[in-house]
């Protein structure tokens, strides 16, 4: 179980990183570690753009930057869900983009969720043959920190639609190149030596950029 939870945490953080990079955000590192709450946590700091616009340029770009931030915030949960779907149902799993995401959107917007009572969320997925299957994950897959970021960016972006934002991020996660990079970043972080009681595994910004920009 511990290995599966570590794998899930690594996919989660890799999802944040790969989607952030694909949206022209700056990635500043990644780590996963065992917390005193009895589960794996992660941290993957980003900046919403690489050139740090100021003044009028920043004001003009706020909607674009906020959309990128919201997608990055939900990307970890979606990468973790896809990995779990592949593990349970086999390769070829993709998100069902025709599904009603209103219940999921309500989950994402729920400010009453806590670390002690995170709830759960159900994903609708399609197998390679077209069969639709359901996957339920513990609400810890979308941490309270991710929730706060997601909802803050939605508000800053002038009331971005959570359903449309989530669906667009699902498409980014399902993109073959992005998913390949998520798997590569996951493998890279798991290959790092663990340190201390927290079993911390870390990647620097330079290591991430090298992996994100590598071809092949």
Protein backbone atom coordinates (compact mmCIF):
# COMPACT_ATOMS: atom_id res chain seq x y z
CA UNK A 1 0.00 0.00 0.00
CA UNK A 2 2.79 2.39 0.89
CA UNK A 3 4.36 1.92 -2.55
CA UNK A 4 1.03 2.57 -4.31
CA UNK A 5 0.44 5.72 -2.28
CA UNK A 6 3.95 6.96 -3.04
CA UNK A 7 3.34 6.27 -6.74
CA UNK A 8 0.09 8.23 -6.56
CA UNK A 9 1.78 11.16 -4.82
CA UNK A 10 4.56 11.25 -7.40
CA UNK A 11 2.05 11.25 -10.26
CA UNK A 12 0.10 13.99 -8.52
CA UNK A 13 3.10 16.31 -8.27
CA UNK A 14 4.28 15.42 -11.77
CA UNK A 15 0.83 16.41 -13.04
CA UNK A 16 1.18 19.85 -11.48
CA UNK A 17 4.65 20.28 -12.98
CA UNK A 18 3.97 19.06 -16.52
CA UNK A 19 0.76 21.03 -16.98
CA UNK A 20 2.33 24.15 -15.48
CA UNK A 21 5.22 23.86 -17.93
CA UNK A 22 2.86 23.24 -20.86
CA UNK A 23 1.05 26.49 -19.96
CA UNK A 24 4.32 28.47 -19.94
CA UNK A 25 4.63 28.62 -16.17
CA UNK A 26 7.98 28.47 -14.40
CA UNK A 27 8.64 25.35 -12.34
CA UNK A 28 10.80 25.77 -9.25
CA UNK A 29 11.17 22.21 -7.92
CA UNK A 30 9.28 19.12 -6.78
CA UNK A 31 9.29 16.96 -3.68
CA UNK A 32 7.29 14.16 -2.10
CA UNK A 33 7.53 13.24 1.55
CA UNK A 34 5.88 11.19 4.29
CA UNK A 35 3.98 13.42 6.69
CA UNK A 36 3.14 12.98 10.35
CA UNK A 37 -0.50 12.70 9.24
CA UNK A 38 0.31 9.22 8.02
CA UNK A 39 0.29 9.70 4.26
CA UNK A 40 2.40 11.00 1.39
CA UNK A 41 2.38 14.69 0.62
CA UNK A 42 4.04 16.71 -2.12
CA UNK A 43 5.10 20.19 -3.01
CA UNK A 44 5.72 21.59 -6.49
CA UNK A 45 6.11 25.39 -6.45
CA UNK A 46 5.53 27.25 -9.71
CA UNK A 47 5.33 30.81 -10.99
CA UNK A 48 2.50 31.61 -13.37
CA UNK A 49 4.83 32.98 -16.02
CA UNK A 50 8.49 32.89 -16.83
CA UNK A 51 9.02 36.61 -17.47
CA UNK A 52 7.25 38.19 -14.44
CA UNK A 53 5.24 40.91 -16.23
CA UNK A 54 4.62 44.16 -14.41
CA UNK A 55 2.17 47.05 -14.55
CA UNK A 56 -0.28 47.21 -17.44
CA UNK A 57 1.05 44.03 -19.03
CA UNK A 58 0.31 42.13 -15.83
CA UNK A 59 -3.23 43.52 -15.65
CA UNK A 60 -3.91 42.54 -19.25
CA UNK A 61 -2.59 39.02 -18.68
CA UNK A 62 -4.38 38.33 -15.38
CA UNK A 63 -7.21 36.26 -16.99
CA UNK A 64 -4.69 34.13 -18.91
CA UNK A 65 -2.42 33.69 -15.89
CA UNK A 66 -5.34 32.86 -13.60
CA UNK A 67 -6.61 30.22 -16.04
CA UNK A 68 -3.14 28.66 -16.09
CA UNK A 69 -3.03 28.68 -12.29
CA UNK A 70 -6.44 27.05 -11.95
CA UNK A 71 -5.55 24.33 -14.45
CA UNK A 72 -2.25 23.68 -12.72
CA UNK A 73 -4.00 23.43 -9.34
CA UNK A 74 -6.43 20.74 -10.50
CA UNK A 75 -3.87 18.93 -12.67
CA UNK A 76 -2.35 17.00 -9.76
CA UNK A 77 -5.66 15.42 -8.83
CA UNK A 78 -6.39 14.53 -12.44
CA UNK A 79 -2.96 12.98 -13.03
CA UNK A 80 -3.41 10.89 -9.88
CA UNK A 81 -6.87 9.80 -11.06
CA UNK A 82 -5.60 8.80 -14.50
CA UNK A 83 -2.76 6.78 -12.99
CA UNK A 84 -5.20 4.98 -10.69
CA UNK A 85 -7.54 4.38 -13.61
CA UNK A 86 -4.75 2.83 -15.67
CA UNK A 87 -3.77 0.64 -12.74
CA UNK A 88 -7.34 -0.61 -12.27
CA UNK A 89 -8.64 -0.73 -15.84
CA UNK A 90 -5.55 -0.98 -18.05
CA UNK A 91 -3.80 1.23 -20.59
CA UNK A 92 -5.89 3.37 -22.89
CA UNK A 93 -7.94 4.95 -20.12
CA UNK A 94 -8.97 8.53 -20.78
CA UNK A 95 -11.31 10.99 -19.11
CA UNK A 96 -14.91 10.94 -20.32
CA UNK A 97 -15.15 14.50 -21.59
CA UNK A 98 -18.87 14.11 -22.29
CA UNK A 99 -19.61 13.38 -18.62
CA UNK A 100 -21.60 15.78 -16.44
CA UNK A 101 -18.92 17.44 -14.30
CA UNK A 102 -21.28 19.50 -12.15
CA UNK A 103 -20.91 17.19 -9.13
CA UNK A 104 -17.14 17.25 -9.49
CA UNK A 105 -17.21 21.03 -9.78
CA UNK A 106 -19.20 21.22 -6.54
CA UNK A 107 -16.56 19.03 -4.88
CA UNK A 108 -13.79 21.30 -6.16
CA UNK A 109 -15.56 24.41 -4.89
CA UNK A 110 -16.47 22.95 -1.48
CA UNK A 111 -14.75 25.10 1.14
CA UNK A 112 -16.00 22.91 3.99
CA UNK A 113 -13.70 20.03 3.10
CA UNK A 114 -10.85 19.51 5.56
CA UNK A 115 -7.86 17.20 5.88
CA UNK A 116 -9.82 15.25 8.50
CA UNK A 117 -13.00 15.07 6.42
CA UNK A 118 -12.00 15.32 2.74
CA UNK A 119 -14.96 13.48 1.19
CA UNK A 120 -14.49 11.64 -2.08
CA UNK A 121 -14.80 12.35 -5.78
CA UNK A 122 -15.95 10.15 -8.69
CA UNK A 123 -14.38 10.25 -12.15
CA UNK A 124 -15.98 8.99 -15.34
CA UNK A 125 -13.39 7.33 -17.60
CA UNK A 126 -13.49 5.61 -20.97
CA UNK A 127 -11.56 2.43 -21.73
CA UNK A 128 -9.82 1.91 -25.07
CA UNK A 129 -12.84 0.03 -26.43
CA UNK A 130 -15.21 2.84 -25.52
CA UNK A 131 -16.67 1.36 -22.32
CA UNK A 132 -17.38 3.98 -19.67
CA UNK A 133 -16.25 3.13 -16.13
CA UNK A 134 -16.32 4.97 -12.82
CA UNK A 135 -13.46 5.57 -10.43
CA UNK A 136 -13.87 6.89 -6.90
CA UNK A 137 -10.93 8.45 -5.09
CA UNK A 138 -10.53 9.69 -1.54
CA UNK A 139 -10.82 13.46 -1.37
CA UNK A 140 -7.19 13.72 -0.28
CA UNK A 141 -6.37 13.50 -4.00
CA UNK A 142 -7.42 17.18 -4.07
CA UNK A 143 -5.77 18.71 -1.04
CA UNK A 144 -7.11 21.72 0.79
CA UNK A 145 -4.08 23.64 -0.53
CA UNK A 146 -4.93 22.70 -4.12
CA UNK A 147 -8.56 23.64 -3.44
CA UNK A 148 -7.61 27.06 -2.13
CA UNK A 149 -5.37 27.73 -5.13
CA UNK A 150 -7.99 26.52 -7.61
CA UNK A 151 -10.74 28.69 -6.19
CA UNK A 152 -8.52 31.73 -5.77
CA UNK A 153 -7.45 31.57 -9.40
CA UNK A 154 -11.04 31.09 -10.56
CA UNK A 155 -12.02 34.29 -8.76
CA UNK A 156 -8.98 36.25 -9.95
CA UNK A 157 -9.76 35.23 -13.52
CA UNK A 158 -13.08 37.03 -13.44
CA UNK A 159 -15.16 34.05 -12.44
CA UNK A 160 -13.71 31.30 -14.61
CA UNK A 161 -16.04 28.34 -15.13
CA UNK A 162 -14.85 25.43 -12.92
CA UNK A 163 -16.45 22.85 -15.22
CA UNK A 164 -14.83 24.21 -18.38
CA UNK A 165 -11.51 24.64 -16.58
CA UNK A 166 -11.56 21.06 -15.29
CA UNK A 167 -12.57 19.64 -18.67
CA UNK A 168 -9.79 21.57 -20.42
CA UNK A 169 -7.27 20.25 -17.88
CA UNK A 170 -8.50 16.68 -18.47
CA UNK A 171 -7.68 17.16 -22.14
CA UNK A 172 -4.20 18.37 -21.25
CA UNK A 173 -3.61 15.35 -18.98
CA UNK A 174 -4.84 12.96 -21.69
CA UNK A 175 -2.57 14.50 -24.31
CA UNK A 176 -0.08 11.76 -25.24
CA UNK A 177 3.01 13.98 -24.96
CA UNK A 178 1.95 15.45 -21.61
CA UNK A 179 1.15 12.03 -20.16
CA UNK A 180 4.51 10.68 -21.32
CA UNK A 181 6.22 13.55 -19.52
CA UNK A 182 4.15 12.93 -16.38
CA UNK A 183 5.32 9.32 -16.38
CA UNK A 184 8.93 10.38 -16.97
CA UNK A 185 8.88 12.94 -14.14
CA UNK A 186 7.25 10.38 -11.86
CA UNK A 187 9.96 7.82 -12.61
CA UNK A 188 12.64 10.44 -12.08
CA UNK A 189 11.40 11.53 -8.66
CA UNK A 190 10.97 7.91 -7.53
CA UNK A 191 14.56 7.20 -8.58
CA UNK A 192 15.90 9.85 -6.20
CA UNK A 193 17.36 8.72 -2.86
CA UNK A 194 15.04 9.30 0.08
CA UNK A 195 16.33 11.32 3.01
CA UNK A 196 15.40 11.60 6.68
CA UNK A 197 12.39 10.33 8.58
CA UNK A 198 10.12 11.95 5.99
CA UNK A 199 11.61 9.76 3.22
CA UNK A 200 11.82 12.94 1.17
CA UNK A 201 12.57 12.71 -2.55
CA UNK A 202 13.31 15.94 -4.39
CA UNK A 203 13.99 17.32 -7.85
CA UNK A 204 15.48 20.74 -8.54
CA UNK A 205 14.19 23.19 -11.12
CA UNK A 206 17.14 22.33 -13.37
CA UNK A 207 16.43 18.60 -13.16
CA UNK A 208 12.80 19.22 -14.01
CA UNK A 209 13.55 21.47 -16.96
CA UNK A 210 16.04 18.97 -18.36
CA UNK A 211 13.41 16.22 -18.19
CA UNK A 212 10.60 18.44 -19.52
CA UNK A 213 12.58 19.58 -22.54
CA UNK A 214 14.26 16.26 -23.38
CA UNK A 215 13.21 14.61 -26.63
CA UNK A 216 12.73 10.91 -27.33
